[in-house]
C-alpha atoms as a PDB file:
ATOM      1  CA  UNK A   1      54.120 -57.925 202.779  1.00  0.00           C
ATOM      2  CA  UNK A   2      54.053 -57.815 199.005  1.00  0.00           C
ATOM      3  CA  UNK A   3      50.397 -58.767 198.877  1.00  0.00           C
ATOM      4  CA  UNK A   4      47.530 -57.615 201.085  1.00  0.00           C
ATOM      5  CA  UNK A   5      46.611 -60.747 203.076  1.00  0.00           C
ATOM      6  CA  UNK A   6      42.903 -59.950 203.498  1.00  0.00           C
ATOM      7  CA  UNK A   7      42.348 -59.226 199.806  1.00  0.00           C
ATOM      8  CA  UNK A   8      44.279 -62.354 198.794  1.00  0.00           C
ATOM      9  CA  UNK A   9      42.434 -64.607 201.233  1.00  0.00           C
ATOM     10  CA  UNK A  10      39.034 -63.303 200.152  1.00  0.00           C
ATOM     11  CA  UNK A  11      39.943 -63.800 196.472  1.00  0.00           C
ATOM     12  CA  UNK A  12      41.505 -67.274 196.788  1.00  0.00           C
ATOM     13  CA  UNK A  13      39.276 -69.032 199.291  1.00  0.00           C
ATOM     14  CA  UNK A  14      35.612 -69.929 199.669  1.00  0.00           C
ATOM     15  CA  UNK A  15      33.468 -70.127 202.752  1.00  0.00           C
ATOM     16  CA  UNK A  16      32.887 -73.760 203.581  1.00  0.00           C
ATOM     17  CA  UNK A  17      32.367 -76.106 206.492  1.00  0.00           C
ATOM     18  CA  UNK A  18      35.106 -78.678 207.233  1.00  0.00           C
ATOM     19  CA  UNK A  19      33.502 -82.110 206.697  1.00  0.00           C
ATOM     20  CA  UNK A  20      34.064 -83.301 210.279  1.00  0.00           C
ATOM     21  CA  UNK A  21      33.003 -79.992 211.877  1.00  0.00           C
ATOM     22  CA  UNK A  22      29.923 -78.804 209.937  1.00  0.00           C
ATOM     23  CA  UNK A  23      28.983 -76.299 212.660  1.00  0.00           C
ATOM     24  CA  UNK A  24      31.878 -74.044 211.700  1.00  0.00           C
ATOM     25  CA  UNK A  25      32.486 -72.131 208.432  1.00  0.00           C
ATOM     26  CA  UNK A  26      35.969 -71.151 207.350  1.00  0.00           C
ATOM     27  CA  UNK A  27      37.641 -69.437 204.433  1.00  0.00           C
ATOM     28  CA  UNK A  28      39.441 -72.406 202.865  1.00  0.00           C
ATOM     29  CA  UNK A  29      41.022 -73.240 199.519  1.00  0.00           C
ATOM     30  CA  UNK A  30      38.340 -75.046 197.590  1.00  0.00           C
ATOM     31  CA  UNK A  31      40.915 -77.151 195.752  1.00  0.00           C
ATOM     32  CA  UNK A  32      44.343 -77.860 197.225  1.00  0.00           C
ATOM     33  CA  UNK A  33      46.109 -77.420 193.940  1.00  0.00           C
ATOM     34  CA  UNK A  34      45.195 -73.724 193.782  1.00  0.00           C
ATOM     35  CA  UNK A  35      47.431 -72.728 196.661  1.00  0.00           C
ATOM     36  CA  UNK A  36      49.318 -75.648 198.114  1.00  0.00           C
ATOM     37  CA  UNK A  37      50.879 -76.797 194.874  1.00  0.00           C
ATOM     38  CA  UNK A  38      52.270 -73.428 193.891  1.00  0.00           C
ATOM     39  CA  UNK A  39      56.076 -73.527 193.646  1.00  0.00           C
ATOM     40  CA  UNK A  40      58.251 -71.848 196.255  1.00  0.00           C
ATOM     41  CA  UNK A  41      59.107 -69.218 193.628  1.00  0.00           C
ATOM     42  CA  UNK A  42      55.433 -68.455 193.023  1.00  0.00           C
ATOM     43  CA  UNK A  43      54.809 -68.147 196.757  1.00  0.00           C
ATOM     44  CA  UNK A  44      57.838 -65.926 197.220  1.00  0.00           C
ATOM     45  CA  UNK A  45      56.685 -63.697 194.370  1.00  0.00           C
ATOM     46  CA  UNK A  46      53.475 -62.848 196.199  1.00  0.00           C
ATOM     47  CA  UNK A  47      55.129 -62.841 199.628  1.00  0.00           C
ATOM     48  CA  UNK A  48      53.128 -65.834 200.865  1.00  0.00           C
ATOM     49  CA  UNK A  49      54.462 -68.422 203.328  1.00  0.00           C
ATOM     50  CA  UNK A  50      53.155 -72.001 202.862  1.00  0.00           C
ATOM     51  CA  UNK A  51      49.388 -71.503 203.345  1.00  0.00           C
ATOM     52  CA  UNK A  52      48.677 -73.930 206.201  1.00  0.00           C
ATOM     53  CA  UNK A  53      45.795 -71.634 207.205  1.00  0.00           C
ATOM     54  CA  UNK A  54      43.957 -72.413 203.942  1.00  0.00           C
ATOM     55  CA  UNK A  55      43.123 -76.038 204.801  1.00  0.00           C
ATOM     56  CA  UNK A  56      41.290 -77.874 207.596  1.00  0.00           C
ATOM     57  CA  UNK A  57      43.934 -80.461 208.558  1.00  0.00           C
ATOM     58  CA  UNK A  58      42.872 -83.777 210.065  1.00  0.00           C
ATOM     59  CA  UNK A  59      44.362 -83.149 213.486  1.00  0.00           C
ATOM     60  CA  UNK A  60      42.577 -79.823 213.832  1.00  0.00           C
ATOM     61  CA  UNK A  61      39.258 -81.259 212.642  1.00  0.00           C
ATOM     62  CA  UNK A  62      39.515 -84.093 215.161  1.00  0.00           C
ATOM     63  CA  UNK A  63      40.439 -81.759 218.012  1.00  0.00           C
ATOM     64  CA  UNK A  64      37.643 -79.294 217.134  1.00  0.00           C
ATOM     65  CA  UNK A  65      35.132 -82.148 216.983  1.00  0.00           C
ATOM     66  CA  UNK A  66      36.255 -83.371 220.411  1.00  0.00           C
ATOM     67  CA  UNK A  67      35.930 -79.896 221.960  1.00  0.00           C
ATOM     68  CA  UNK A  68      32.440 -79.365 220.552  1.00  0.00           C
ATOM     69  CA  UNK A  69      31.330 -82.846 221.689  1.00  0.00           C
ATOM     70  CA  UNK A  70      32.992 -82.406 225.131  1.00  0.00           C
ATOM     71  CA  UNK A  71      32.444 -78.746 225.966  1.00  0.00           C
ATOM     72  CA  UNK A  72      33.405 -79.406 229.598  1.00  0.00           C
ATOM     73  CA  UNK A  73      37.018 -79.676 228.408  1.00  0.00           C
ATOM     74  CA  UNK A  74      37.158 -75.903 227.825  1.00  0.00           C
ATOM     75  CA  UNK A  75      33.983 -74.310 229.188  1.00  0.00           C
ATOM     76  CA  UNK A  76      34.676 -71.406 231.527  1.00  0.00           C
ATOM     77  CA  UNK A  77      38.430 -71.795 231.053  1.00  0.00           C
ATOM     78  CA  UNK A  78      41.120 -69.776 229.230  1.00  0.00           C
ATOM     79  CA  UNK A  79      42.417 -71.523 226.132  1.00  0.00           C
ATOM     80  CA  UNK A  80      45.525 -71.222 223.991  1.00  0.00           C
ATOM     81  CA  UNK A  81      45.341 -72.741 220.524  1.00  0.00           C
ATOM     82  CA  UNK A  82      48.934 -73.348 219.383  1.00  0.00           C
ATOM     83  CA  UNK A  83      49.821 -73.292 215.646  1.00  0.00           C
ATOM     84  CA  UNK A  84      46.254 -72.245 215.029  1.00  0.00           C
ATOM     85  CA  UNK A  85      46.326 -72.031 211.218  1.00  0.00           C
ATOM     86  CA  UNK A  86      42.770 -71.306 210.082  1.00  0.00           C
ATOM     87  CA  UNK A  87      41.616 -70.846 213.671  1.00  0.00           C
ATOM     88  CA  UNK A  88      39.295 -73.886 213.476  1.00  0.00           C
ATOM     89  CA  UNK A  89      40.231 -75.218 216.927  1.00  0.00           C
ATOM     90  CA  UNK A  90      40.228 -71.790 218.535  1.00  0.00           C
ATOM     91  CA  UNK A  91      36.775 -71.040 217.149  1.00  0.00           C
ATOM     92  CA  UNK A  92      35.484 -74.431 218.340  1.00  0.00           C
ATOM     93  CA  UNK A  93      36.840 -73.676 221.852  1.00  0.00           C
ATOM     94  CA  UNK A  94      35.018 -70.347 221.946  1.00  0.00           C
ATOM     95  CA  UNK A  95      31.816 -71.938 220.644  1.00  0.00           C
ATOM     96  CA  UNK A  96      32.135 -74.574 223.402  1.00  0.00           C
ATOM     97  CA  UNK A  97      32.184 -71.896 226.105  1.00  0.00           C
ATOM     98  CA  UNK A  98      35.812 -71.033 226.756  1.00  0.00           C
ATOM     99  CA  UNK A  99      36.095 -67.792 228.731  1.00  0.00           C
ATOM    100  CA  UNK A 100      38.955 -66.502 226.602  1.00  0.00           C
ATOM    101  CA  UNK A 101      40.737 -67.915 223.543  1.00  0.00           C
ATOM    102  CA  UNK A 102      44.156 -66.919 222.233  1.00  0.00           C
ATOM    103  CA  UNK A 103      45.134 -68.294 218.801  1.00  0.00           C
ATOM    104  CA  UNK A 104      48.911 -68.410 218.291  1.00  0.00           C
ATOM    105  CA  UNK A 105      50.687 -68.815 214.968  1.00  0.00           C
ATOM    106  CA  UNK A 106      53.963 -67.384 213.714  1.00  0.00           C
ATOM    107  CA  UNK A 107      52.534 -66.894 210.205  1.00  0.00           C
ATOM    108  CA  UNK A 108      51.076 -63.369 209.983  1.00  0.00           C
ATOM    109  CA  UNK A 109      48.782 -64.561 207.199  1.00  0.00           C
ATOM    110  CA  UNK A 110      47.191 -66.929 209.721  1.00  0.00           C
ATOM    111  CA  UNK A 111      46.385 -63.919 211.884  1.00  0.00           C
ATOM    112  CA  UNK A 112      44.320 -62.420 209.069  1.00  0.00           C
ATOM    113  CA  UNK A 113      42.632 -65.737 208.284  1.00  0.00           C
ATOM    114  CA  UNK A 114      41.738 -66.307 211.927  1.00  0.00           C
ATOM    115  CA  UNK A 115      40.286 -62.812 212.253  1.00  0.00           C
ATOM    116  CA  UNK A 116      38.086 -63.311 209.178  1.00  0.00           C
ATOM    117  CA  UNK A 117      37.022 -66.763 210.283  1.00  0.00           C
ATOM    118  CA  UNK A 118      36.229 -65.677 213.811  1.00  0.00           C
ATOM    119  CA  UNK A 119      33.996 -62.896 212.502  1.00  0.00           C
ATOM    120  CA  UNK A 120      32.244 -65.370 210.187  1.00  0.00           C
ATOM    121  CA  UNK A 121      31.417 -67.552 213.199  1.00  0.00           C
ATOM    122  CA  UNK A 122      30.430 -64.652 215.485  1.00  0.00           C
ATOM    123  CA  UNK A 123      33.063 -65.372 218.129  1.00  0.00           C
ATOM    124  CA  UNK A 124      35.865 -63.341 219.680  1.00  0.00           C
ATOM    125  CA  UNK A 125      39.323 -64.862 219.320  1.00  0.00           C
ATOM    126  CA  UNK A 126      42.540 -62.998 220.126  1.00  0.00           C
ATOM    127  CA  UNK A 127      45.720 -63.596 218.070  1.00  0.00           C
ATOM    128  CA  UNK A 128      49.452 -63.587 218.782  1.00  0.00           C
ATOM    129  CA  UNK A 129      52.156 -64.071 216.170  1.00  0.00           C
ATOM    130  CA  UNK A 130      54.920 -64.651 218.741  1.00  0.00           C
ATOM    131  CA  UNK A 131      57.038 -67.768 218.976  1.00  0.00           C
ATOM    132  CA  UNK A 132      55.966 -69.026 222.408  1.00  0.00           C
ATOM    133  CA  UNK A 133      57.647 -72.441 222.455  1.00  0.00           C
ATOM    134  CA  UNK A 134      59.406 -72.903 225.750  1.00  0.00           C
ATOM    135  CA  UNK A 135      57.634 -69.980 227.417  1.00  0.00           C
ATOM    136  CA  UNK A 136      55.306 -69.954 230.354  1.00  0.00           C
ATOM    137  CA  UNK A 137      51.691 -69.460 229.365  1.00  0.00           C
ATOM    138  CA  UNK A 138      48.714 -68.371 231.430  1.00  0.00           C
ATOM    139  CA  UNK A 139      46.016 -70.435 229.759  1.00  0.00           C
ATOM    140  CA  UNK A 140      44.227 -73.245 231.581  1.00  0.00           C
ATOM    141  CA  UNK A 141      44.006 -75.389 228.435  1.00  0.00           C
ATOM    142  CA  UNK A 142      46.535 -75.720 225.609  1.00  0.00           C
ATOM    143  CA  UNK A 143      45.283 -77.147 222.285  1.00  0.00           C
ATOM    144  CA  UNK A 144      47.491 -78.244 219.391  1.00  0.00           C
ATOM    145  CA  UNK A 145      46.264 -79.793 216.166  1.00  0.00           C
ATOM    146  CA  UNK A 146      48.585 -81.628 213.806  1.00  0.00           C
ATOM    147  CA  UNK A 147      51.926 -80.351 215.123  1.00  0.00           C
ATOM    148  CA  UNK A 148      54.133 -83.476 215.171  1.00  0.00           C
ATOM    149  CA  UNK A 149      54.961 -83.668 211.452  1.00  0.00           C
ATOM    150  CA  UNK A 150      58.629 -82.512 211.717  1.00  0.00           C
ATOM    151  CA  UNK A 151      61.328 -84.134 213.857  1.00  0.00           C
ATOM    152  CA  UNK A 152      63.078 -80.984 215.012  1.00  0.00           C
ATOM    153  CA  UNK A 153      59.820 -79.120 215.623  1.00  0.00           C
ATOM    154  CA  UNK A 154      58.510 -82.065 217.630  1.00  0.00           C
ATOM    155  CA  UNK A 155      61.703 -82.192 219.645  1.00  0.00           C
ATOM    156  CA  UNK A 156      61.180 -78.611 220.733  1.00  0.00           C
ATOM    157  CA  UNK A 157      57.489 -79.113 221.472  1.00  0.00           C
ATOM    158  CA  UNK A 158      57.540 -82.207 223.636  1.00  0.00           C
ATOM    159  CA  UNK A 159      59.445 -80.871 226.679  1.00  0.00           C
ATOM    160  CA  UNK A 160      57.481 -77.629 226.557  1.00  0.00           C
ATOM    161  CA  UNK A 161      54.073 -79.347 226.450  1.00  0.00           C
ATOM    162  CA  UNK A 162      55.112 -81.884 229.068  1.00  0.00           C
ATOM    163  CA  UNK A 163      56.159 -79.032 231.329  1.00  0.00           C
ATOM    164  CA  UNK A 164      52.827 -77.296 230.876  1.00  0.00           C
ATOM    165  CA  UNK A 165      50.985 -80.532 231.676  1.00  0.00           C
ATOM    166  CA  UNK A 166      53.087 -80.959 234.790  1.00  0.00           C
ATOM    167  CA  UNK A 167      52.034 -77.470 235.921  1.00  0.00           C
ATOM    168  CA  UNK A 168      48.437 -78.744 235.980  1.00  0.00           C
ATOM    169  CA  UNK A 169      47.327 -77.389 232.608  1.00  0.00           C
ATOM    170  CA  UNK A 170      45.284 -79.582 230.292  1.00  0.00           C
ATOM    171  CA  UNK A 171      47.199 -80.157 227.047  1.00  0.00           C
ATOM    172  CA  UNK A 172      45.142 -81.732 224.254  1.00  0.00           C
ATOM    173  CA  UNK A 173      46.618 -82.745 220.916  1.00  0.00           C
ATOM    174  CA  UNK A 174      44.822 -83.782 217.703  1.00  0.00           C
ATOM    175  CA  UNK A 175      46.945 -86.043 215.492  1.00  0.00           C
ATOM    176  CA  UNK A 176      46.307 -88.279 212.476  1.00  0.00           C
ATOM    177  CA  UNK A 177      49.333 -90.521 213.007  1.00  0.00           C
ATOM    178  CA  UNK A 178      52.185 -88.122 212.205  1.00  0.00           C
ATOM    179  CA  UNK A 179      55.666 -89.637 212.393  1.00  0.00           C
ATOM    180  CA  UNK A 180      56.904 -87.772 215.475  1.00  0.00           C
ATOM    181  CA  UNK A 181      53.944 -88.079 217.796  1.00  0.00           C
ATOM    182  CA  UNK A 182      55.295 -88.891 221.326  1.00  0.00           C
ATOM    183  CA  UNK A 183      52.769 -91.624 222.140  1.00  0.00           C
ATOM    184  CA  UNK A 184      54.615 -92.636 225.289  1.00  0.00           C
ATOM    185  CA  UNK A 185      53.751 -89.213 226.774  1.00  0.00           C
ATOM    186  CA  UNK A 186      50.078 -89.242 225.775  1.00  0.00           C
ATOM    187  CA  UNK A 187      46.770 -90.739 226.783  1.00  0.00           C
ATOM    188  CA  UNK A 188      44.130 -91.272 224.094  1.00  0.00           C
ATOM    189  CA  UNK A 189      40.755 -89.597 224.581  1.00  0.00           C
ATOM    190  CA  UNK A 190      38.799 -90.176 221.364  1.00  0.00           C
ATOM    191  CA  UNK A 191      39.407 -91.440 217.835  1.00  0.00           C
ATOM    192  CA  UNK A 192      37.669 -90.248 214.644  1.00  0.00           C
ATOM    193  CA  UNK A 193      37.668 -91.002 210.946  1.00  0.00           C
ATOM    194  CA  UNK A 194      38.271 -87.563 209.421  1.00  0.00           C
ATOM    195  CA  UNK A 195      37.685 -86.764 205.694  1.00  0.00           C
ATOM    196  CA  UNK A 196      40.689 -84.940 204.213  1.00  0.00           C
ATOM    197  CA  UNK A 197      41.974 -83.621 200.865  1.00  0.00           C
ATOM    198  CA  UNK A 198      43.721 -86.352 198.915  1.00  0.00           C
ATOM    199  CA  UNK A 199      46.047 -83.802 197.300  1.00  0.00           C
ATOM    200  CA  UNK A 200      47.470 -83.009 200.757  1.00  0.00           C
ATOM    201  CA  UNK A 201      47.298 -86.430 202.394  1.00  0.00           C
ATOM    202  CA  UNK A 202      47.833 -90.028 201.239  1.00  0.00           C
ATOM    203  CA  UNK A 203      44.153 -90.922 201.559  1.00  0.00           C
ATOM    204  CA  UNK A 204      40.656 -89.450 201.646  1.00  0.00           C
ATOM    205  CA  UNK A 205      40.113 -90.332 205.323  1.00  0.00           C
ATOM    206  CA  UNK A 206      42.600 -90.119 208.180  1.00  0.00           C
ATOM    207  CA  UNK A 207      42.244 -91.939 211.481  1.00  0.00           C
ATOM    208  CA  UNK A 208      42.691 -89.111 213.947  1.00  0.00           C
ATOM    209  CA  UNK A 209      43.084 -89.349 217.698  1.00  0.00           C
ATOM    210  CA  UNK A 210      42.740 -86.699 220.353  1.00  0.00           C
ATOM    211  CA  UNK A 211      45.349 -87.193 223.047  1.00  0.00           C
ATOM    212  CA  UNK A 212      46.073 -85.648 226.422  1.00  0.00           C
ATOM    213  CA  UNK A 213      49.630 -85.010 227.524  1.00  0.00           C
ATOM    214  CA  UNK A 214      50.531 -86.826 230.731  1.00  0.00           C
ATOM    215  CA  UNK A 215      52.161 -84.912 233.579  1.00  0.00           C
ATOM    216  CA  UNK A 216      55.656 -86.029 234.627  1.00  0.00           C
END
């Protein structure tokens, strides 16, 4: 890496609570324009992939809220938080009593952000940077916040998550109405009005639903 992730994250984020999950504090970009609106050339210059980990996205906030309000969904169970980003959902799962939490994200910068955020919230969260799509996983519960924003990515996720649900694993998804959400494969659990950053979204509040994947 051209830039030390921990030093960069500490210098370019502030500790704050996502508006829909005030129990948790994360290192987030205080203003979206600081990081998100940098050009690809600027990001490449510092060796930084798009900083998804620097923001509390609506799907993750909704899913974290659901887990904290319904701890029985994860308590005493092993949890995998897919495309974890900041680690918000993983931290919520651990706070709700999960026996073990693995946060997975292919961005190595997310690994650093998750470690810092887990320490800030006094929880233990493991991290993997592997691409696990299509693989068998050992977790009892799979959580995924805001992952259906890209057609090709969604096409690879749906059969994998369906397969995990069919194996008897609970697969919960937080989504604010992204274009490629497979609603025909999902059952709604709870809906929230989640405050978001206007610079990243098309509004200041996103209607966000937590869904459970149906088994085949």
